[in-house]
Amino acid sequence: MPNVPWSFLLTQLPTVMRAVDTLIETTARRNVMRDTGPLIESLEQRVAALEEQQRVSADLLKQVTEHVSAIAVAAEESSRQLRRLQNTVYAAGAVALVALVLGIVLWVRG
């Protein structure tokens, strides 16, 4: 049976243990990178899709704002026209009332 140098092995045990710890840590890191690589790619794709969706939503909101602004301008113009028409109707009603009173007065005097 060969003669085993136990004293040498025991003195080198901390170095061997550090090498084992380093190997375990390196292997664990590689496993994490291997396992999380597809997940990170998937998350990057989802973030890119969300950014695109946010850009599209911003464009849509801008268009809606422009349409609402155009509707507000059109409503204000319609309101002005309606006020002019209302004033015209009131004036026509006043003229008609004066004509009616005048017609009744002339008919009674008749």
PDB file of N, CA and C in Angstrom:
ATOM      1  N   MET A   1       0.828  -1.156   0.000  1.00  0.00           N
ATOM      2  CA  MET A   1       0.000   0.000   0.000  1.00  0.00           C
ATOM      3  C   MET A   1       0.891   1.243   0.000  1.00  0.00           C
ATOM      4  N   PRO A   2       0.539   2.227  -0.905  1.00  0.00           N
ATOM      5  CA  PRO A   2       1.406   3.392  -1.011  1.00  0.00           C
ATOM      6  C   PRO A   2       1.319   4.254   0.247  1.00  0.00           C
ATOM      7  N   ASN A   3       2.344   4.969   0.446  1.00  0.00           N
ATOM      8  CA  ASN A   3       2.437   5.839   1.593  1.00  0.00           C
ATOM      9  C   ASN A   3       1.798   7.196   1.236  1.00  0.00           C
ATOM     10  N   VAL A   4       0.678   7.598   1.904  1.00  0.00           N
ATOM     11  CA  VAL A   4      -0.078   8.831   1.615  1.00  0.00           C
ATOM     12  C   VAL A   4       0.481   9.935   2.498  1.00  0.00           C
ATOM     13  N   PRO A   5       0.829  11.087   1.903  1.00  0.00           N
ATOM     14  CA  PRO A   5       1.371  12.187   2.683  1.00  0.00           C
ATOM     15  C   PRO A   5       0.239  12.993   3.331  1.00  0.00           C
ATOM     16  N   TRP A   6      -0.285  12.510   4.417  1.00  0.00           N
ATOM     17  CA  TRP A   6      -1.428  13.127   5.082  1.00  0.00           C
ATOM     18  C   TRP A   6      -1.124  14.539   5.572  1.00  0.00           C
ATOM     19  N   SER A   7       0.029  14.780   6.063  1.00  0.00           N
ATOM     20  CA  SER A   7       0.358  16.112   6.569  1.00  0.00           C
ATOM     21  C   SER A   7       0.309  17.142   5.429  1.00  0.00           C
ATOM     22  N   PHE A   8       0.802  16.764   4.248  1.00  0.00           N
ATOM     23  CA  PHE A   8       0.757  17.659   3.088  1.00  0.00           C
ATOM     24  C   PHE A   8      -0.695  17.915   2.666  1.00  0.00           C
ATOM     25  N   LEU A   9      -1.503  16.865   2.640  1.00  0.00           N
ATOM     26  CA  LEU A   9      -2.925  16.999   2.261  1.00  0.00           C
ATOM     27  C   LEU A   9      -3.675  17.878   3.246  1.00  0.00           C
ATOM     28  N   LEU A  10      -3.415  17.731   4.519  1.00  0.00           N
ATOM     29  CA  LEU A  10      -4.105  18.555   5.517  1.00  0.00           C
ATOM     30  C   LEU A  10      -3.696  20.015   5.428  1.00  0.00           C
ATOM     31  N   THR A  11      -2.440  20.293   5.106  1.00  0.00           N
ATOM     32  CA  THR A  11      -2.018  21.683   4.969  1.00  0.00           C
ATOM     33  C   THR A  11      -2.596  22.321   3.707  1.00  0.00           C
ATOM     34  N   GLN A  12      -2.857  21.530   2.705  1.00  0.00           N
ATOM     35  CA  GLN A  12      -3.419  22.051   1.455  1.00  0.00           C
ATOM     36  C   GLN A  12      -4.950  22.067   1.443  1.00  0.00           C
ATOM     37  N   LEU A  13      -5.571  21.580   2.500  1.00  0.00           N
ATOM     38  CA  LEU A  13      -7.035  21.497   2.561  1.00  0.00           C
ATOM     39  C   LEU A  13      -7.706  22.862   2.392  1.00  0.00           C
ATOM     40  N   PRO A  14      -7.267  23.959   3.036  1.00  0.00           N
ATOM     41  CA  PRO A  14      -7.913  25.262   2.799  1.00  0.00           C
ATOM     42  C   PRO A  14      -7.846  25.695   1.334  1.00  0.00           C
ATOM     43  N   THR A  15      -6.749  25.444   0.658  1.00  0.00           N
ATOM     44  CA  THR A  15      -6.627  25.797  -0.759  1.00  0.00           C
ATOM     45  C   THR A  15      -7.608  24.985  -1.588  1.00  0.00           C
ATOM     46  N   VAL A  16      -7.721  23.706  -1.278  1.00  0.00           N
ATOM     47  CA  VAL A  16      -8.662  22.839  -1.993  1.00  0.00           C
ATOM     48  C   VAL A  16     -10.098  23.313  -1.744  1.00  0.00           C
ATOM     49  N   MET A  17     -10.396  23.700  -0.510  1.00  0.00           N
ATOM     50  CA  MET A  17     -11.760  24.150  -0.181  1.00  0.00           C
ATOM     51  C   MET A  17     -12.085  25.464  -0.898  1.00  0.00           C
ATOM     52  N   ARG A  18     -11.109  26.381  -0.975  1.00  0.00           N
ATOM     53  CA  ARG A  18     -11.329  27.629  -1.721  1.00  0.00           C
ATOM     54  C   ARG A  18     -11.574  27.325  -3.200  1.00  0.00           C
ATOM     55  N   ALA A  19     -10.841  26.393  -3.759  1.00  0.00           N
ATOM     56  CA  ALA A  19     -11.036  26.001  -5.160  1.00  0.00           C
ATOM     57  C   ALA A  19     -12.421  25.403  -5.362  1.00  0.00           C
ATOM     58  N   VAL A  20     -12.875  24.603  -4.418  1.00  0.00           N
ATOM     59  CA  VAL A  20     -14.215  24.008  -4.506  1.00  0.00           C
ATOM     60  C   VAL A  20     -15.272  25.107  -4.407  1.00  0.00           C
ATOM     61  N   ASP A  21     -15.089  26.049  -3.462  1.00  0.00           N
ATOM     62  CA  ASP A  21     -16.041  27.165  -3.343  1.00  0.00           C
ATOM     63  C   ASP A  21     -16.098  27.984  -4.623  1.00  0.00           C
ATOM     64  N   THR A  22     -14.942  28.279  -5.208  1.00  0.00           N
ATOM     65  CA  THR A  22     -14.884  29.028  -6.465  1.00  0.00           C
ATOM     66  C   THR A  22     -15.582  28.269  -7.579  1.00  0.00           C
ATOM     67  N   LEU A  23     -15.364  26.973  -7.658  1.00  0.00           N
ATOM     68  CA  LEU A  23     -16.017  26.155  -8.672  1.00  0.00           C
ATOM     69  C   LEU A  23     -17.527  26.163  -8.501  1.00  0.00           C
ATOM     70  N   ILE A  24     -17.986  26.038  -7.258  1.00  0.00           N
ATOM     71  CA  ILE A  24     -19.428  26.050  -6.993  1.00  0.00           C
ATOM     72  C   ILE A  24     -20.021  27.412  -7.363  1.00  0.00           C
ATOM     73  N   GLU A  25     -19.334  28.491  -6.980  1.00  0.00           N
ATOM     74  CA  GLU A  25     -19.827  29.838  -7.284  1.00  0.00           C
ATOM     75  C   GLU A  25     -19.878  30.084  -8.785  1.00  0.00           C
ATOM     76  N   THR A  26     -18.825  29.689  -9.500  1.00  0.00           N
ATOM     77  CA  THR A  26     -18.780  29.857 -10.958  1.00  0.00           C
ATOM     78  C   THR A  26     -19.880  29.049 -11.635  1.00  0.00           C
ATOM     79  N   THR A  27     -20.062  27.835 -11.183  1.00  0.00           N
ATOM     80  CA  THR A  27     -21.115  26.988 -11.751  1.00  0.00           C
ATOM     81  C   THR A  27     -22.493  27.578 -11.472  1.00  0.00           C
ATOM     82  N   ALA A  28     -22.686  28.070 -10.254  1.00  0.00           N
ATOM     83  CA  ALA A  28     -23.977  28.676  -9.914  1.00  0.00           C
ATOM     84  C   ALA A  28     -24.245  29.903 -10.784  1.00  0.00           C
ATOM     85  N   ARG A  29     -23.213  30.745 -10.988  1.00  0.00           N
ATOM     86  CA  ARG A  29     -23.381  31.928 -11.835  1.00  0.00           C
ATOM     87  C   ARG A  29     -23.726  31.542 -13.265  1.00  0.00           C
ATOM     88  N   ARG A  30     -23.042  30.536 -13.782  1.00  0.00           N
ATOM     89  CA  ARG A  30     -23.332  30.088 -15.150  1.00  0.00           C
ATOM     90  C   ARG A  30     -24.754  29.552 -15.257  1.00  0.00           C
ATOM     91  N   ASN A  31     -25.187  28.811 -14.249  1.00  0.00           N
ATOM     92  CA  ASN A  31     -26.556  28.277 -14.257  1.00  0.00           C
ATOM     93  C   ASN A  31     -27.576  29.410 -14.216  1.00  0.00           C
ATOM     94  N   VAL A  32     -27.293  30.414 -13.399  1.00  0.00           N
ATOM     95  CA  VAL A  32     -28.214  31.555 -13.321  1.00  0.00           C
ATOM     96  C   VAL A  32     -28.281  32.271 -14.663  1.00  0.00           C
ATOM     97  N   MET A  33     -27.128  32.513 -15.275  1.00  0.00           N
ATOM     98  CA  MET A  33     -27.112  33.178 -16.581  1.00  0.00           C
ATOM     99  C   MET A  33     -27.835  32.341 -17.631  1.00  0.00           C
ATOM    100  N   ARG A  34     -27.636  31.031 -17.587  1.00  0.00           N
ATOM    101  CA  ARG A  34     -28.295  30.141 -18.553  1.00  0.00           C
ATOM    102  C   ARG A  34     -29.804  30.149 -18.334  1.00  0.00           C
ATOM    103  N   ASP A  35     -30.217  30.147 -17.059  1.00  0.00           N
ATOM    104  CA  ASP A  35     -31.648  30.094 -16.758  1.00  0.00           C
ATOM    105  C   ASP A  35     -32.336  31.441 -16.951  1.00  0.00           C
ATOM    106  N   THR A  36     -31.632  32.551 -16.704  1.00  0.00           N
ATOM    107  CA  THR A  36     -32.272  33.867 -16.789  1.00  0.00           C
ATOM    108  C   THR A  36     -32.098  34.523 -18.149  1.00  0.00           C
ATOM    109  N   GLY A  37     -31.244  34.003 -18.998  1.00  0.00           N
ATOM    110  CA  GLY A  37     -31.034  34.587 -20.324  1.00  0.00           C
ATOM    111  C   GLY A  37     -32.322  34.718 -21.118  1.00  0.00           C
ATOM    112  N   PRO A  38     -33.093  33.633 -21.299  1.00  0.00           N
ATOM    113  CA  PRO A  38     -34.354  33.749 -22.043  1.00  0.00           C
ATOM    114  C   PRO A  38     -35.359  34.674 -21.335  1.00  0.00           C
ATOM    115  N   LEU A  39     -35.337  34.655 -20.021  1.00  0.00           N
ATOM    116  CA  LEU A  39     -36.245  35.517 -19.272  1.00  0.00           C
ATOM    117  C   LEU A  39     -35.916  36.982 -19.515  1.00  0.00           C
ATOM    118  N   ILE A  40     -34.640  37.317 -19.517  1.00  0.00           N
ATOM    119  CA  ILE A  40     -34.226  38.698 -19.771  1.00  0.00           C
ATOM    120  C   ILE A  40     -34.609  39.113 -21.188  1.00  0.00           C
ATOM    121  N   GLU A  41     -34.400  38.236 -22.155  1.00  0.00           N
ATOM    122  CA  GLU A  41     -34.790  38.542 -23.534  1.00  0.00           C
ATOM    123  C   GLU A  41     -36.292  38.767 -23.630  1.00  0.00           C
ATOM    124  N   SER A  42     -37.053  37.931 -22.954  1.00  0.00           N
ATOM    125  CA  SER A  42     -38.507  38.075 -22.953  1.00  0.00           C
ATOM    126  C   SER A  42     -38.916  39.407 -22.337  1.00  0.00           C
ATOM    127  N   LEU A  43     -38.277  39.770 -21.234  1.00  0.00           N
ATOM    128  CA  LEU A  43     -38.592  41.047 -20.589  1.00  0.00           C
ATOM    129  C   LEU A  43     -38.213  42.230 -21.478  1.00  0.00           C
ATOM    130  N   GLU A  44     -37.085  42.125 -22.175  1.00  0.00           N
ATOM    131  CA  GLU A  44     -36.684  43.186 -23.096  1.00  0.00           C
ATOM    132  C   GLU A  44     -37.711  43.353 -24.209  1.00  0.00           C
ATOM    133  N   GLN A  45     -38.226  42.239 -24.718  1.00  0.00           N
ATOM    134  CA  GLN A  45     -39.242  42.302 -25.766  1.00  0.00           C
ATOM    135  C   GLN A  45     -40.526  42.930 -25.234  1.00  0.00           C
ATOM    136  N   ARG A  46     -40.889  42.556 -24.003  1.00  0.00           N
ATOM    137  CA  ARG A  46     -42.112  43.119 -23.414  1.00  0.00           C
ATOM    138  C   ARG A  46     -41.959  44.616 -23.170  1.00  0.00           C
ATOM    139  N   VAL A  47     -40.786  45.033 -22.715  1.00  0.00           N
ATOM    140  CA  VAL A  47     -40.545  46.462 -22.500  1.00  0.00           C
ATOM    141  C   VAL A  47     -40.614  47.207 -23.827  1.00  0.00           C
ATOM    142  N   ALA A  48     -40.026  46.638 -24.872  1.00  0.00           N
ATOM    143  CA  ALA A  48     -40.086  47.270 -26.189  1.00  0.00           C
ATOM    144  C   ALA A  48     -41.529  47.371 -26.678  1.00  0.00           C
ATOM    145  N   ALA A  49     -42.311  46.322 -26.446  1.00  0.00           N
ATOM    146  CA  ALA A  49     -43.729  46.352 -26.849  1.00  0.00           C
ATOM    147  C   ALA A  49     -44.487  47.403 -26.055  1.00  0.00           C
ATOM    148  N   LEU A  50     -44.196  47.510 -24.767  1.00  0.00           N
ATOM    149  CA  LEU A  50     -44.859  48.529 -23.944  1.00  0.00           C
ATOM    150  C   LEU A  50     -44.479  49.939 -24.387  1.00  0.00           C
ATOM    151  N   GLU A  51     -43.213  50.132 -24.733  1.00  0.00           N
ATOM    152  CA  GLU A  51     -42.788  51.442 -25.225  1.00  0.00           C
ATOM    153  C   GLU A  51     -43.512  51.794 -26.522  1.00  0.00           C
ATOM    154  N   GLU A  52     -43.636  50.826 -27.407  1.00  0.00           N
ATOM    155  CA  GLU A  52     -44.358  51.065 -28.671  1.00  0.00           C
ATOM    156  C   GLU A  52     -45.821  51.377 -28.395  1.00  0.00           C
ATOM    157  N   GLN A  53     -46.418  50.614 -27.492  1.00  0.00           N
ATOM    158  CA  GLN A  53     -47.819  50.856 -27.149  1.00  0.00           C
ATOM    159  C   GLN A  53     -47.994  52.240 -26.523  1.00  0.00           C
ATOM    160  N   GLN A  54     -47.048  52.656 -25.702  1.00  0.00           N
ATOM    161  CA  GLN A  54     -47.117  53.977 -25.095  1.00  0.00           C
ATOM    162  C   GLN A  54     -46.990  55.065 -26.161  1.00  0.00           C
ATOM    163  N   ARG A  55     -46.119  54.856 -27.148  1.00  0.00           N
ATOM    164  CA  ARG A  55     -45.971  55.827 -28.228  1.00  0.00           C
ATOM    165  C   ARG A  55     -47.260  55.937 -29.042  1.00  0.00           C
ATOM    166  N   VAL A  56     -47.861  54.782 -29.343  1.00  0.00           N
ATOM    167  CA  VAL A  56     -49.114  54.773 -30.095  1.00  0.00           C
ATOM    168  C   VAL A  56     -50.217  55.465 -29.290  1.00  0.00           C
ATOM    169  N   SER A  57     -50.268  55.195 -27.991  1.00  0.00           N
ATOM    170  CA  SER A  57     -51.269  55.838 -27.137  1.00  0.00           C
ATOM    171  C   SER A  57     -51.068  57.348 -27.099  1.00  0.00           C
ATOM    172  N   ALA A  58     -49.817  57.786 -27.040  1.00  0.00           N
ATOM    173  CA  ALA A  58     -49.537  59.223 -27.031  1.00  0.00           C
ATOM    174  C   ALA A  58     -49.979  59.865 -28.342  1.00  0.00           C
ATOM    175  N   ASP A  59     -49.713  59.185 -29.462  1.00  0.00           N
ATOM    176  CA  ASP A  59     -50.157  59.705 -30.761  1.00  0.00           C
ATOM    177  C   ASP A  59     -51.674  59.781 -30.827  1.00  0.00           C
ATOM    178  N   LEU A  60     -52.333  58.753 -30.341  1.00  0.00           N
ATOM    179  CA  LEU A  60     -53.794  58.740 -30.336  1.00  0.00           C
ATOM    180  C   LEU A  60     -54.346  59.850 -29.459  1.00  0.00           C
ATOM    181  N   LEU A  61     -53.750  60.042 -28.302  1.00  0.00           N
ATOM    182  CA  LEU A  61     -54.186  61.114 -27.400  1.00  0.00           C
ATOM    183  C   LEU A  61     -53.989  62.476 -28.051  1.00  0.00           C
ATOM    184  N   LYS A  62     -52.902  62.640 -28.779  1.00  0.00           N
ATOM    185  CA  LYS A  62     -52.659  63.897 -29.488  1.00  0.00           C
ATOM    186  C   LYS A  62     -53.741  64.135 -30.538  1.00  0.00           C
ATOM    187  N   GLN A  63     -54.091  63.092 -31.285  1.00  0.00           N
ATOM    188  CA  GLN A  63     -55.143  63.225 -32.296  1.00  0.00           C
ATOM    189  C   GLN A  63     -56.489  63.560 -31.657  1.00  0.00           C
ATOM    190  N   VAL A  64     -56.793  62.883 -30.542  1.00  0.00           N
ATOM    191  CA  VAL A  64     -58.060  63.157 -29.849  1.00  0.00           C
ATOM    192  C   VAL A  64     -58.090  64.601 -29.374  1.00  0.00           C
ATOM    193  N   THR A  65     -56.969  65.077 -28.841  1.00  0.00           N
ATOM    194  CA  THR A  65     -56.894  66.459 -28.370  1.00  0.00           C
ATOM    195  C   THR A  65     -57.117  67.433 -29.515  1.00  0.00           C
ATOM    196  N   GLU A  66     -56.514  67.158 -30.661  1.00  0.00           N
ATOM    197  CA  GLU A  66     -56.720  68.022 -31.828  1.00  0.00           C
ATOM    198  C   GLU A  66     -58.175  68.023 -32.267  1.00  0.00           C
ATOM    199  N   HIS A  67     -58.815  66.850 -32.251  1.00  0.00           N
ATOM    200  CA  HIS A  67     -60.230  66.767 -32.650  1.00  0.00           C
ATOM    201  C   HIS A  67     -61.119  67.506 -31.657  1.00  0.00           C
ATOM    202  N   VAL A  68     -60.838  67.353 -30.376  1.00  0.00           N
ATOM    203  CA  VAL A  68     -61.639  68.053 -29.364  1.00  0.00           C
ATOM    204  C   VAL A  68     -61.478  69.553 -29.524  1.00  0.00           C
ATOM    205  N   SER A  69     -60.273  70.004 -29.817  1.00  0.00           N
ATOM    206  CA  SER A  69     -60.023  71.428 -30.035  1.00  0.00           C
ATOM    207  C   SER A  69     -60.816  71.926 -31.246  1.00  0.00           C
ATOM    208  N   ALA A  70     -60.808  71.146 -32.323  1.00  0.00           N
ATOM    209  CA  ALA A  70     -61.564  71.531 -33.519  1.00  0.00           C
ATOM    210  C   ALA A  70     -63.056  71.562 -33.229  1.00  0.00           C
ATOM    211  N   ILE A  71     -63.548  70.624 -32.444  1.00  0.00           N
ATOM    212  CA  ILE A  71     -64.972  70.605 -32.084  1.00  0.00           C
ATOM    213  C   ILE A  71     -65.313  71.815 -31.229  1.00  0.00           C
ATOM    214  N   ALA A  72     -64.412  72.179 -30.308  1.00  0.00           N
ATOM    215  CA  ALA A  72     -64.657  73.344 -29.456  1.00  0.00           C
ATOM    216  C   ALA A  72     -64.733  74.619 -30.288  1.00  0.00           C
ATOM    217  N   VAL A  73     -63.850  74.757 -31.267  1.00  0.00           N
ATOM    218  CA  VAL A  73     -63.874  75.933 -32.147  1.00  0.00           C
ATOM    219  C   VAL A  73     -65.180  75.959 -32.945  1.00  0.00           C
ATOM    220  N   ALA A  74     -65.574  74.801 -33.470  1.00  0.00           N
ATOM    221  CA  ALA A  74     -66.821  74.728 -34.240  1.00  0.00           C
ATOM    222  C   ALA A  74     -68.024  75.020 -33.358  1.00  0.00           C
ATOM    223  N   ALA A  75     -68.021  74.542 -32.119  1.00  0.00           N
ATOM    224  CA  ALA A  75     -69.141  74.803 -31.210  1.00  0.00           C
ATOM    225  C   ALA A  75     -69.222  76.281 -30.864  1.00  0.00           C
ATOM    226  N   GLU A  76     -68.080  76.922 -30.683  1.00  0.00           N
ATOM    227  CA  GLU A  76     -68.088  78.361 -30.381  1.00  0.00           C
ATOM    228  C   GLU A  76     -68.631  79.156 -31.565  1.00  0.00           C
ATOM    229  N   GLU A  77     -68.220  78.776 -32.768  1.00  0.00           N
ATOM    230  CA  GLU A  77     -68.730  79.460 -33.962  1.00  0.00           C
ATOM    231  C   GLU A  77     -70.237  79.237 -34.110  1.00  0.00           C
ATOM    232  N   SER A  78     -70.692  78.021 -33.849  1.00  0.00           N
ATOM    233  CA  SER A  78     -72.134  77.740 -33.911  1.00  0.00           C
ATOM    234  C   SER A  78     -72.892  78.548 -32.869  1.00  0.00           C
ATOM    235  N   SER A  79     -72.289  78.698 -31.704  1.00  0.00           N
ATOM    236  CA  SER A  79     -72.917  79.488 -30.634  1.00  0.00           C
ATOM    237  C   SER A  79     -73.049  80.951 -31.061  1.00  0.00           C
ATOM    238  N   ARG A  80     -72.004  81.496 -31.706  1.00  0.00           N
ATOM    239  CA  ARG A  80     -72.077  82.876 -32.195  1.00  0.00           C
ATOM    240  C   ARG A  80     -73.187  83.025 -33.230  1.00  0.00           C
ATOM    241  N   GLN A  81     -73.252  82.079 -34.156  1.00  0.00           N
ATOM    242  CA  GLN A  81     -74.292  82.139 -35.185  1.00  0.00           C
ATOM    243  C   GLN A  81     -75.677  82.035 -34.565  1.00  0.00           C
ATOM    244  N   LEU A  82     -75.805  81.181 -33.559  1.00  0.00           N
ATOM    245  CA  LEU A  82     -77.091  81.018 -32.889  1.00  0.00           C
ATOM    246  C   LEU A  82     -77.502  82.300 -32.170  1.00  0.00           C
ATOM    247  N   ARG A  83     -76.542  82.986 -31.539  1.00  0.00           N
ATOM    248  CA  ARG A  83     -76.862  84.258 -30.877  1.00  0.00           C
ATOM    249  C   ARG A  83     -77.301  85.303 -31.897  1.00  0.00           C
ATOM    250  N   ARG A  84     -76.603  85.364 -33.049  1.00  0.00           N
ATOM    251  CA  ARG A  84     -77.013  86.302 -34.103  1.00  0.00           C
ATOM    252  C   ARG A  84     -78.431  85.983 -34.589  1.00  0.00           C
ATOM    253  N   LEU A  85     -78.696  84.714 -34.795  1.00  0.00           N
ATOM    254  CA  LEU A  85     -80.020  84.304 -35.247  1.00  0.00           C
ATOM    255  C   LEU A  85     -81.081  84.626 -34.200  1.00  0.00           C
ATOM    256  N   GLN A  86     -80.732  84.410 -32.928  1.00  0.00           N
ATOM    257  CA  GLN A  86     -81.665  84.718 -31.849  1.00  0.00           C
ATOM    258  C   GLN A  86     -81.979  86.220 -31.821  1.00  0.00           C
ATOM    259  N   ASN A  87     -80.956  87.055 -31.974  1.00  0.00           N
ATOM    260  CA  ASN A  87     -81.171  88.504 -32.002  1.00  0.00           C
ATOM    261  C   ASN A  87     -82.029  88.900 -33.199  1.00  0.00           C
ATOM    262  N   THR A  88     -81.800  88.241 -34.335  1.00  0.00           N
ATOM    263  CA  THR A  88     -82.609  88.520 -35.528  1.00  0.00           C
ATOM    264  C   THR A  88     -84.066  88.138 -35.288  1.00  0.00           C
ATOM    265  N   VAL A  89     -84.285  86.987 -34.640  1.00  0.00           N
ATOM    266  CA  VAL A  89     -85.659  86.543 -34.340  1.00  0.00           C
ATOM    267  C   VAL A  89     -86.337  87.517 -33.379  1.00  0.00           C
ATOM    268  N   TYR A  90     -85.580  87.960 -32.350  1.00  0.00           N
ATOM    269  CA  TYR A  90     -86.166  88.938 -31.416  1.00  0.00           C
ATOM    270  C   TYR A  90     -86.534  90.229 -32.138  1.00  0.00           C
ATOM    271  N   ALA A  91     -85.664  90.699 -33.031  1.00  0.00           N
ATOM    272  CA  ALA A  91     -85.951  91.928 -33.779  1.00  0.00           C
ATOM    273  C   ALA A  91     -87.158  91.717 -34.681  1.00  0.00           C
ATOM    274  N   ALA A  92     -87.220  90.561 -35.335  1.00  0.00           N
ATOM    275  CA  ALA A  92     -88.373  90.283 -36.208  1.00  0.00           C
ATOM    276  C   ALA A  92     -89.647  90.185 -35.383  1.00  0.00           C
ATOM    277  N   GLY A  93     -89.566  89.588 -34.202  1.00  0.00           N
ATOM    278  CA  GLY A  93     -90.739  89.502 -33.327  1.00  0.00           C
ATOM    279  C   GLY A  93     -91.196  90.883 -32.880  1.00  0.00           C
ATOM    280  N   ALA A  94     -90.235  91.757 -32.566  1.00  0.00           N
ATOM    281  CA  ALA A  94     -90.580  93.124 -32.144  1.00  0.00           C
ATOM    282  C   ALA A  94     -91.243  93.880 -33.286  1.00  0.00           C
ATOM    283  N   VAL A  95     -90.686  93.715 -34.498  1.00  0.00           N
ATOM    284  CA  VAL A  95     -91.290  94.374 -35.676  1.00  0.00           C
ATOM    285  C   VAL A  95     -92.682  93.819 -35.916  1.00  0.00           C
ATOM    286  N   ALA A  96     -92.856  92.505 -35.780  1.00  0.00           N
ATOM    287  CA  ALA A  96     -94.170  91.894 -35.988  1.00  0.00           C
ATOM    288  C   ALA A  96     -95.162  92.387 -34.935  1.00  0.00           C
ATOM    289  N   LEU A  97     -94.703  92.521 -33.687  1.00  0.00           N
ATOM    290  CA  LEU A  97     -95.582  93.005 -32.623  1.00  0.00           C
ATOM    291  C   LEU A  97     -95.995  94.451 -32.883  1.00  0.00           C
ATOM    292  N   VAL A  98     -95.043  95.277 -33.302  1.00  0.00           N
ATOM    293  CA  VAL A  98     -95.367  96.679 -33.633  1.00  0.00           C
ATOM    294  C   VAL A  98     -96.345  96.705 -34.800  1.00  0.00           C
ATOM    295  N   ALA A  99     -96.110  95.861 -35.804  1.00  0.00           N
ATOM    296  CA  ALA A  99     -97.019  95.828 -36.957  1.00  0.00           C
ATOM    297  C   ALA A  99     -98.407  95.362 -36.534  1.00  0.00           C
ATOM    298  N   LEU A 100     -98.473  94.389 -35.604  1.00  0.00           N
ATOM    299  CA  LEU A 100     -99.772  93.905 -35.134  1.00  0.00           C
ATOM    300  C   LEU A 100    -100.507  94.997 -34.381  1.00  0.00           C
ATOM    301  N   VAL A 101     -99.816  95.676 -33.486  1.00  0.00           N
ATOM    302  CA  VAL A 101    -100.446  96.769 -32.717  1.00  0.00           C
ATOM    303  C   VAL A 101    -100.884  97.862 -33.666  1.00  0.00           C
ATOM    304  N   LEU A 102    -100.019  98.225 -34.603  1.00  0.00           N
ATOM    305  CA  LEU A 102    -100.372  99.255 -35.575  1.00  0.00           C
ATOM    306  C   LEU A 102    -101.562  98.826 -36.423  1.00  0.00           C
ATOM    307  N   GLY A 103    -101.571  97.548 -36.813  1.00  0.00           N
ATOM    308  CA  GLY A 103    -102.696  97.046 -37.612  1.00  0.00           C
ATOM    309  C   GLY A 103    -103.996  97.076 -36.826  1.00  0.00           C
ATOM    310  N   ILE A 104    -103.946  96.715 -35.540  1.00  0.00           N
ATOM    311  CA  ILE A 104    -105.168  96.748 -34.720  1.00  0.00           C
ATOM    312  C   ILE A 104    -105.639  98.179 -34.526  1.00  0.00           C
ATOM    313  N   VAL A 105    -104.686  99.078 -34.264  1.00  0.00           N
ATOM    314  CA  VAL A 105    -105.057 100.501 -34.083  1.00  0.00           C
ATOM    315  C   VAL A 105    -105.679 101.034 -35.350  1.00  0.00           C
ATOM    316  N   LEU A 106    -105.122 100.760 -36.496  1.00  0.00           N
ATOM    317  CA  LEU A 106    -105.686 101.252 -37.767  1.00  0.00           C
ATOM    318  C   LEU A 106    -107.022 100.584 -38.066  1.00  0.00           C
ATOM    319  N   TRP A 107    -107.192  99.390 -37.701  1.00  0.00           N
ATOM    320  CA  TRP A 107    -108.449  98.681 -37.958  1.00  0.00           C
ATOM    321  C   TRP A 107    -109.574  99.244 -37.073  1.00  0.00           C
ATOM    322  N   VAL A 108    -109.184  99.516 -35.790  1.00  0.00           N
ATOM    323  CA  VAL A 108    -110.207 100.061 -34.873  1.00  0.00           C
ATOM    324  C   VAL A 108    -110.605 101.456 -35.315  1.00  0.00           C
ATOM    325  N   ARG A 109    -109.683 102.269 -35.777  1.00  0.00           N
ATOM    326  CA  ARG A 109    -109.983 103.631 -36.199  1.00  0.00           C
ATOM    327  C   ARG A 109    -110.705 103.640 -37.548  1.00  0.00           C
ATOM    328  N   GLY A 110    -110.518 102.633 -38.257  1.00  0.00           N
ATOM    329  CA  GLY A 110    -110.933 102.444 -39.502  1.00  0.00           C
ATOM    330  C   GLY A 110    -111.806 102.886 -40.448  1.00  0.00           C
TER     331      GLY A 110
END
